[in-house]
Amino acid sequence: MFTIPTEVNVPRFLGNAQIGSKLKRVLWPGPGQLLLKIKANALCGSERSQYYQGTEVTLGHEAAGVVVAKGEGTTTQPGTPGVVFLMDFCGECRSCKQGFTNQCLAKRGDMGFNCDGGYGVYELVRENIFFPVSDDLSLTEATMLLDIMGTGGHAIKRAEQVHSDIESVLITGAGPIGLGVLAMAKLLLGKDIPVLISDVVPYRLKLAEQMGGLPILVTEDSLEQGLNGHGLANPDVAIDCAGKASVRDEALNVLAHRGVFVSVAHGEGLTIENIYRDFVFRELSLLGSEYFTYQELEANLVLLRVNRGYLDQIITHRFGIDEIKTAFDLFFRGETGKVIIEQ
């Protein structure tokens, strides 16, 4: 049996990088719902606007916890550990029926964005977006299944859909998502595949190099110069995790023939007019990659179990919920890998 309080204190994001607290009522799960006691939640760069502009929603979309109560019609038992899929997908639309749950046409919400998420002590979710894991993993490690392995692996698989013989990869942006793409490139394409990764922060590039990436510090070299320095002038795939228009344009320009550009990052744009003449001649492909599908979690769990030591390198800092402002301030300064709030 779990003792569940009627109210708990949760972080309140006031804007201007300030965090207060507020009392939140703990809701009992209704039909099809589970109540989780959250144990770990990873910070994400997509929370920047909410941190600086404020929101009434409790943030946290990379949550892992334990089921403490179940609603009518559910089969998951209290005591089950697991992670929460970001998107509250309907399961009934054309996209969902084909397994494209990240492209749900009747999505009910996004956890931590317009539905209360994992920085609260408890999180109420529909059972269909809860993915159980076994007790051999810590719930901090289990968060790797989400934005790190899920988003990173999905981007690699998107590229493979149009390029079956990938021999080299360029990643722009060595934040946690970029590090996740790097890790999944090594795990899915082979540990010996050259993966070049660029950033403006030496700390993150050092971590990327430790994980087998070939670093390019773009405050000292252009992408082209950095690629040439590693003897790989024209990569088969470029995956954007930076979200800067100028970086996207530069990455497209250095792609090999039949090259694939995959954009994971949101923000800013793309000036394709500057390369359109060669875009057709070189048969380039331009793809978007949004999060990942719920179905990918199962295979990624197998990969995580086998590669825990390698993937754990991405987690560089852990804080308690009472240190959440310190965690965000450090994270947004850029000198971290993945930062986890543990409860």
Protein backbone atom coordinates (compact mmCIF):
# COMPACT_ATOMS: atom_id res chain seq x y z
CA MET A 1 0.00 0.00 0.00
CA PHE A 2 1.10 3.53 -0.78
CA THR A 3 0.24 6.52 1.40
CA ILE A 4 -0.92 9.30 -0.93
CA PRO A 5 -1.36 12.82 0.45
CA THR A 6 -4.21 15.08 -0.62
CA GLU A 7 -1.87 18.00 -1.43
CA VAL A 8 1.83 18.45 -2.18
CA ASN A 9 4.17 21.38 -2.75
CA VAL A 10 5.39 21.60 -6.35
CA PRO A 11 7.68 24.06 -8.18
CA ARG A 12 5.96 27.11 -9.66
CA PHE A 13 7.70 28.65 -12.65
CA LEU A 14 7.28 32.41 -12.21
CA GLY A 15 9.32 33.62 -15.20
CA ASN A 16 12.58 35.59 -15.25
CA ALA A 17 14.42 32.44 -14.11
CA GLN A 18 12.57 32.43 -10.80
CA ILE A 19 10.98 29.37 -9.21
CA GLY A 20 8.60 29.49 -6.28
CA SER A 21 6.27 26.83 -4.94
CA LYS A 22 2.57 26.15 -4.84
CA LEU A 23 0.23 23.66 -3.26
CA LYS A 24 -1.21 21.22 -5.74
CA ARG A 25 -4.04 18.79 -5.10
CA VAL A 26 -3.17 15.17 -5.82
CA LEU A 27 -5.89 13.80 -8.09
CA TRP A 28 -7.00 10.18 -7.83
CA PRO A 29 -6.81 8.34 -11.17
CA GLY A 30 -10.01 8.05 -13.16
CA PRO A 31 -10.87 5.38 -15.76
CA GLY A 32 -7.83 4.51 -17.87
CA GLN A 33 -5.46 6.55 -15.71
CA LEU A 34 -2.47 5.86 -13.47
CA LEU A 35 -1.06 7.95 -10.64
CA LEU A 36 2.74 7.93 -10.47
CA LYS A 37 5.13 8.91 -7.72
CA ILE A 38 7.90 10.56 -9.71
CA LYS A 39 11.45 9.54 -8.83
CA ALA A 40 13.47 11.18 -11.62
CA ASN A 41 12.94 13.77 -14.35
CA ALA A 42 15.53 15.11 -16.79
CA LEU A 43 15.85 18.79 -17.67
CA CYS A 44 15.44 19.72 -21.35
CA GLY A 45 16.41 22.72 -23.44
CA SER A 46 12.81 22.95 -24.69
CA GLU A 47 11.86 24.18 -21.19
CA ARG A 48 13.86 27.37 -21.67
CA SER A 49 10.89 29.53 -22.67
CA GLN A 50 8.80 28.34 -19.72
CA TYR A 51 11.67 28.93 -17.30
CA TYR A 52 12.20 32.49 -18.50
CA GLN A 53 8.62 33.44 -19.37
CA GLY A 54 6.74 31.55 -16.66
CA THR A 55 3.83 29.09 -16.77
CA GLU A 56 1.10 27.72 -14.54
CA VAL A 57 1.79 24.19 -15.78
CA THR A 58 4.10 21.97 -13.74
CA LEU A 59 7.00 21.24 -16.08
CA GLY A 60 8.79 17.95 -16.70
CA HIS A 61 8.41 15.76 -19.78
CA GLU A 62 11.20 13.23 -19.20
CA ALA A 63 9.70 11.56 -16.16
CA ALA A 64 10.25 8.18 -14.54
CA GLY A 65 8.34 6.96 -11.53
CA VAL A 66 6.39 4.22 -9.80
CA VAL A 67 2.66 3.54 -10.11
CA VAL A 68 0.99 4.20 -6.74
CA ALA A 69 -2.68 4.01 -7.78
CA LYS A 70 -4.66 2.78 -10.78
CA GLY A 71 -8.01 3.75 -12.24
CA GLU A 72 -10.83 1.60 -13.51
CA GLY A 73 -10.04 -0.42 -16.64
CA THR A 74 -6.26 -0.36 -16.20
CA THR A 75 -4.02 -3.42 -15.88
CA THR A 76 -0.74 -1.91 -14.61
CA GLN A 77 -0.27 -2.81 -10.96
CA PRO A 78 0.82 -0.41 -8.21
CA GLY A 79 4.54 -0.77 -7.60
CA THR A 80 5.37 -0.95 -11.33
CA PRO A 81 8.27 1.34 -12.32
CA GLY A 82 8.32 3.03 -15.71
CA VAL A 83 8.66 6.13 -17.85
CA VAL A 84 6.13 8.55 -19.33
CA PHE A 85 5.84 9.11 -23.09
CA LEU A 86 5.55 12.84 -23.77
CA MET A 87 2.53 12.82 -26.08
CA ASP A 88 -0.92 11.79 -24.86
CA PHE A 89 -1.78 10.11 -28.15
CA CYS A 90 -5.34 9.01 -28.94
CA GLY A 91 -4.58 5.52 -30.27
CA GLU A 92 -7.46 5.74 -32.76
CA CYS A 93 -6.49 8.17 -35.53
CA ARG A 94 -4.88 7.23 -38.84
CA SER A 95 -1.36 7.98 -37.54
CA CYS A 96 -1.76 6.06 -34.29
CA LYS A 97 -3.23 2.99 -35.99
CA GLN A 98 -0.10 2.81 -38.17
CA GLY A 99 2.20 3.23 -35.17
CA PHE A 100 3.06 6.90 -35.73
CA THR A 101 2.10 7.92 -32.20
CA ASN A 102 4.40 10.95 -32.41
CA GLN A 103 2.17 12.22 -35.23
CA CYS A 104 -1.20 11.69 -33.51
CA LEU A 105 -3.93 13.70 -35.24
CA ALA A 106 -6.08 13.95 -32.09
CA LYS A 107 -3.41 14.38 -29.42
CA ARG A 108 -4.88 15.18 -26.01
CA GLY A 109 -1.84 17.01 -24.70
CA ASP A 110 1.90 17.09 -24.10
CA MET A 111 3.02 16.19 -20.60
CA GLY A 112 4.93 19.04 -18.96
CA PHE A 113 3.86 21.57 -21.59
CA ASN A 114 0.07 21.85 -21.41
CA CYS A 115 -0.49 19.00 -18.92
CA ASP A 116 1.20 18.84 -15.52
CA GLY A 117 4.46 16.93 -15.72
CA GLY A 118 7.18 15.30 -13.70
CA TYR A 119 8.61 18.06 -11.50
CA GLY A 120 5.55 17.64 -9.33
CA VAL A 121 5.79 14.91 -6.72
CA TYR A 122 2.96 13.00 -8.41
CA GLU A 123 1.92 12.80 -12.07
CA LEU A 124 -1.43 11.66 -13.40
CA VAL A 125 -1.18 9.96 -16.81
CA ARG A 126 -3.22 7.77 -19.11
CA GLU A 127 -2.07 4.18 -19.03
CA ASN A 128 -1.35 4.11 -22.76
CA ILE A 129 1.58 6.55 -22.39
CA PHE A 130 3.18 4.71 -19.46
CA PHE A 131 5.98 2.30 -20.39
CA PRO A 132 6.98 -0.20 -17.69
CA VAL A 133 10.62 -1.01 -16.98
CA SER A 134 12.14 -3.65 -14.74
CA ASP A 135 13.74 -3.18 -11.33
CA ASP A 136 17.25 -3.82 -12.67
CA LEU A 137 17.40 -0.21 -13.92
CA SER A 138 17.41 2.84 -11.69
CA LEU A 139 14.69 5.29 -12.63
CA THR A 140 17.37 7.92 -13.25
CA GLU A 141 18.84 5.59 -15.89
CA ALA A 142 15.35 4.90 -17.24
CA THR A 143 14.97 8.57 -18.23
CA MET A 144 17.56 7.83 -20.95
CA LEU A 145 14.80 5.99 -22.83
CA LEU A 146 13.03 9.27 -23.56
CA ASP A 147 14.65 12.32 -25.15
CA ILE A 148 18.14 10.78 -25.25
CA MET A 149 17.60 7.34 -26.78
CA GLY A 150 14.12 7.88 -28.16
CA THR A 151 14.65 11.18 -29.95
CA GLY A 152 18.24 10.32 -30.90
CA GLY A 153 17.38 6.90 -32.30
CA HIS A 154 14.35 8.16 -34.20
CA ALA A 155 16.51 10.71 -36.03
CA ILE A 156 18.94 7.98 -37.11
CA LYS A 157 16.11 5.77 -38.30
CA ARG A 158 14.60 8.64 -40.28
CA ALA A 159 17.90 9.04 -42.13
CA GLU A 160 18.11 5.28 -42.79
CA GLN A 161 14.72 5.38 -44.49
CA VAL A 162 16.25 7.20 -47.46
CA HIS A 163 19.95 6.31 -47.18
CA SER A 164 20.64 2.60 -46.62
CA ASP A 165 24.45 2.79 -46.75
CA ILE A 166 25.33 5.52 -44.25
CA GLU A 167 29.11 5.75 -43.75
CA SER A 168 29.46 9.01 -41.81
CA VAL A 169 27.30 11.35 -39.71
CA LEU A 170 27.57 15.03 -38.77
CA ILE A 171 25.68 16.31 -35.72
CA THR A 172 25.35 20.05 -35.16
CA GLY A 173 24.87 20.82 -31.48
CA ALA A 174 26.41 18.78 -28.64
CA GLY A 175 23.78 19.42 -26.00
CA PRO A 176 21.99 16.44 -24.46
CA ILE A 177 19.96 15.77 -27.62
CA GLY A 178 23.07 15.91 -29.79
CA LEU A 179 24.84 13.57 -27.38
CA GLY A 180 21.84 11.25 -27.59
CA VAL A 181 22.02 11.24 -31.39
CA LEU A 182 25.75 10.52 -31.16
CA ALA A 183 25.16 7.60 -28.79
CA MET A 184 22.38 6.13 -30.91
CA ALA A 185 24.42 6.52 -34.11
CA LYS A 186 27.11 4.38 -32.51
CA LEU A 187 24.62 1.82 -31.19
CA LEU A 188 22.48 1.55 -34.34
CA LEU A 189 25.00 2.12 -37.14
CA GLY A 190 28.08 0.58 -35.55
CA LYS A 191 30.69 1.76 -33.08
CA ASP A 192 33.28 2.36 -35.83
CA ILE A 193 31.16 4.75 -37.91
CA PRO A 194 32.68 8.26 -37.89
CA VAL A 195 30.35 10.69 -36.10
CA LEU A 196 31.42 14.33 -36.24
CA ILE A 197 29.80 16.72 -33.76
CA SER A 198 30.01 20.51 -33.56
CA ASP A 199 29.32 23.02 -30.80
CA VAL A 200 30.51 26.29 -29.28
CA VAL A 201 31.01 24.83 -25.77
CA PRO A 202 34.30 22.98 -25.15
CA TYR A 203 32.83 21.11 -22.14
CA ARG A 204 30.19 19.41 -24.25
CA LEU A 205 32.62 18.60 -27.04
CA LYS A 206 34.96 16.96 -24.54
CA LEU A 207 32.07 14.78 -23.37
CA ALA A 208 31.18 14.00 -27.00
CA GLU A 209 34.79 12.99 -27.72
CA GLN A 210 34.75 10.74 -24.64
CA MET A 211 31.72 9.01 -26.20
CA GLY A 212 33.48 8.43 -29.51
CA GLY A 213 32.54 11.59 -31.40
CA LEU A 214 34.91 13.66 -33.53
CA PRO A 215 34.64 17.21 -32.14
CA ILE A 216 34.44 20.46 -34.12
CA LEU A 217 34.69 23.66 -32.06
CA VAL A 218 32.95 26.14 -34.35
CA THR A 219 34.26 29.20 -32.50
CA GLU A 220 37.64 28.28 -34.01
CA ASP A 221 36.75 26.48 -37.27
CA SER A 222 33.89 26.45 -39.74
CA LEU A 223 32.07 23.17 -40.25
CA GLU A 224 33.93 22.70 -43.52
CA GLN A 225 37.30 23.28 -41.87
CA GLY A 226 36.41 20.96 -39.00
CA LEU A 227 35.31 18.19 -41.35
CA ASN A 228 38.47 18.52 -43.41
CA GLY A 229 40.54 18.41 -40.23
CA HIS A 230 39.08 14.99 -39.47
CA GLY A 231 39.52 13.83 -43.09
CA LEU A 232 35.75 13.59 -43.73
CA ALA A 233 34.76 16.45 -45.98
CA ASN A 234 31.26 15.38 -47.01
CA PRO A 235 29.17 13.36 -44.54
CA ASP A 236 26.28 11.20 -45.69
CA VAL A 237 23.96 12.51 -42.97
CA ALA A 238 23.71 15.80 -41.09
CA ILE A 239 21.46 15.93 -38.04
CA ASP A 240 20.62 19.36 -36.67
CA CYS A 241 20.33 19.63 -32.88
CA ALA A 242 21.28 23.31 -32.72
CA GLY A 243 18.21 25.04 -34.16
CA LYS A 244 20.17 27.87 -35.82
CA ALA A 245 19.38 28.84 -39.41
CA SER A 246 22.99 29.62 -40.30
CA VAL A 247 24.14 26.25 -38.95
CA ARG A 248 21.47 24.41 -40.94
CA ASP A 249 22.53 26.15 -44.14
CA GLU A 250 26.18 25.34 -43.50
CA ALA A 251 25.41 21.68 -42.78
CA LEU A 252 23.37 21.31 -45.98
CA ASN A 253 26.22 22.77 -47.99
CA VAL A 254 28.73 20.16 -46.82
CA LEU A 255 26.55 17.07 -47.39
CA ALA A 256 27.70 14.37 -49.78
CA HIS A 257 25.73 13.36 -52.86
CA ARG A 258 22.54 11.54 -51.78
CA GLY A 259 23.06 13.23 -48.43
CA VAL A 260 20.27 13.41 -45.85
CA PHE A 261 19.62 16.41 -43.64
CA VAL A 262 17.52 15.62 -40.56
CA SER A 263 16.24 18.44 -38.37
CA VAL A 264 15.54 17.47 -34.76
CA ALA A 265 15.76 20.97 -33.31
CA HIS A 266 12.92 23.46 -33.52
CA GLY A 267 13.54 27.19 -33.83
CA GLU A 268 14.76 29.55 -36.56
CA GLY A 269 14.57 28.56 -40.21
CA LEU A 270 16.34 27.30 -43.31
CA THR A 271 17.51 29.23 -46.38
CA ILE A 272 17.27 26.49 -48.93
CA GLU A 273 17.33 28.99 -51.83
CA ASN A 274 21.09 29.33 -51.39
CA ILE A 275 21.69 25.67 -52.29
CA TYR A 276 18.64 24.76 -54.35
CA ARG A 277 20.53 24.46 -57.64
CA ASP A 278 22.69 21.69 -56.14
CA PHE A 279 19.86 20.27 -54.04
CA VAL A 280 18.38 18.56 -57.08
CA PHE A 281 21.69 17.68 -58.73
CA ARG A 282 23.06 16.02 -55.54
CA GLU A 283 19.70 14.35 -54.75
CA LEU A 284 19.67 15.64 -51.20
CA SER A 285 16.87 14.73 -48.79
CA LEU A 286 15.45 17.08 -46.18
CA LEU A 287 13.61 15.44 -43.26
CA GLY A 288 12.01 16.45 -40.01
CA SER A 289 12.26 14.22 -36.95
CA GLU A 290 9.77 14.84 -34.14
CA TYR A 291 10.38 13.01 -30.83
CA PHE A 292 9.83 9.25 -31.42
CA THR A 293 7.08 6.65 -31.42
CA TYR A 294 5.90 4.81 -28.32
CA GLN A 295 6.70 1.51 -30.03
CA GLU A 296 10.43 2.37 -30.13
CA LEU A 297 10.69 2.18 -26.34
CA GLU A 298 10.79 -1.62 -26.25
CA ALA A 299 13.86 -2.00 -28.48
CA ASN A 300 15.59 0.91 -26.77
CA LEU A 301 15.08 -0.73 -23.38
CA VAL A 302 17.03 -3.74 -24.66
CA LEU A 303 19.81 -1.43 -25.89
CA LEU A 304 19.89 0.45 -22.58
CA ARG A 305 20.32 -2.73 -20.55
CA VAL A 306 23.28 -3.82 -22.68
CA ASN A 307 24.93 -0.37 -22.92
CA ARG A 308 24.26 1.19 -19.52
CA GLY A 309 27.86 2.19 -18.86
CA TYR A 310 28.19 3.94 -22.20
CA LEU A 311 24.86 5.78 -22.01
CA ASP A 312 25.28 6.75 -18.35
CA GLN A 313 28.11 9.08 -19.40
CA ILE A 314 25.48 11.49 -20.73
CA ILE A 315 24.14 12.07 -17.20
CA THR A 316 26.59 14.50 -15.62
CA HIS A 317 24.61 16.15 -12.81
CA ARG A 318 21.90 15.13 -10.34
CA PHE A 319 19.94 17.44 -8.04
CA GLY A 320 17.11 17.19 -5.55
CA ILE A 321 13.78 18.89 -6.24
CA ASP A 322 14.69 21.62 -3.73
CA GLU A 323 17.71 22.46 -5.92
CA ILE A 324 15.77 22.79 -9.17
CA LYS A 325 16.66 26.46 -9.76
CA THR A 326 20.37 25.70 -9.31
CA ALA A 327 19.96 22.83 -11.75
CA PHE A 328 18.28 24.98 -14.41
CA ASP A 329 20.79 27.82 -14.07
CA LEU A 330 23.72 25.42 -14.47
CA PHE A 331 22.05 23.59 -17.36
CA PHE A 332 21.33 26.75 -19.35
CA ARG A 333 24.94 27.92 -18.96
CA GLY A 334 25.79 24.96 -21.19
CA GLU A 335 28.46 23.18 -19.19
CA THR A 336 26.53 19.99 -18.46
CA GLY A 337 25.37 16.87 -20.15
CA LYS A 338 21.98 15.59 -19.04
CA VAL A 339 20.82 16.98 -15.70
CA ILE A 340 18.41 14.90 -13.60
CA ILE A 341 16.08 15.99 -10.81
CA GLU A 342 15.79 13.09 -8.37
CA GLN A 343 12.98 12.85 -5.82
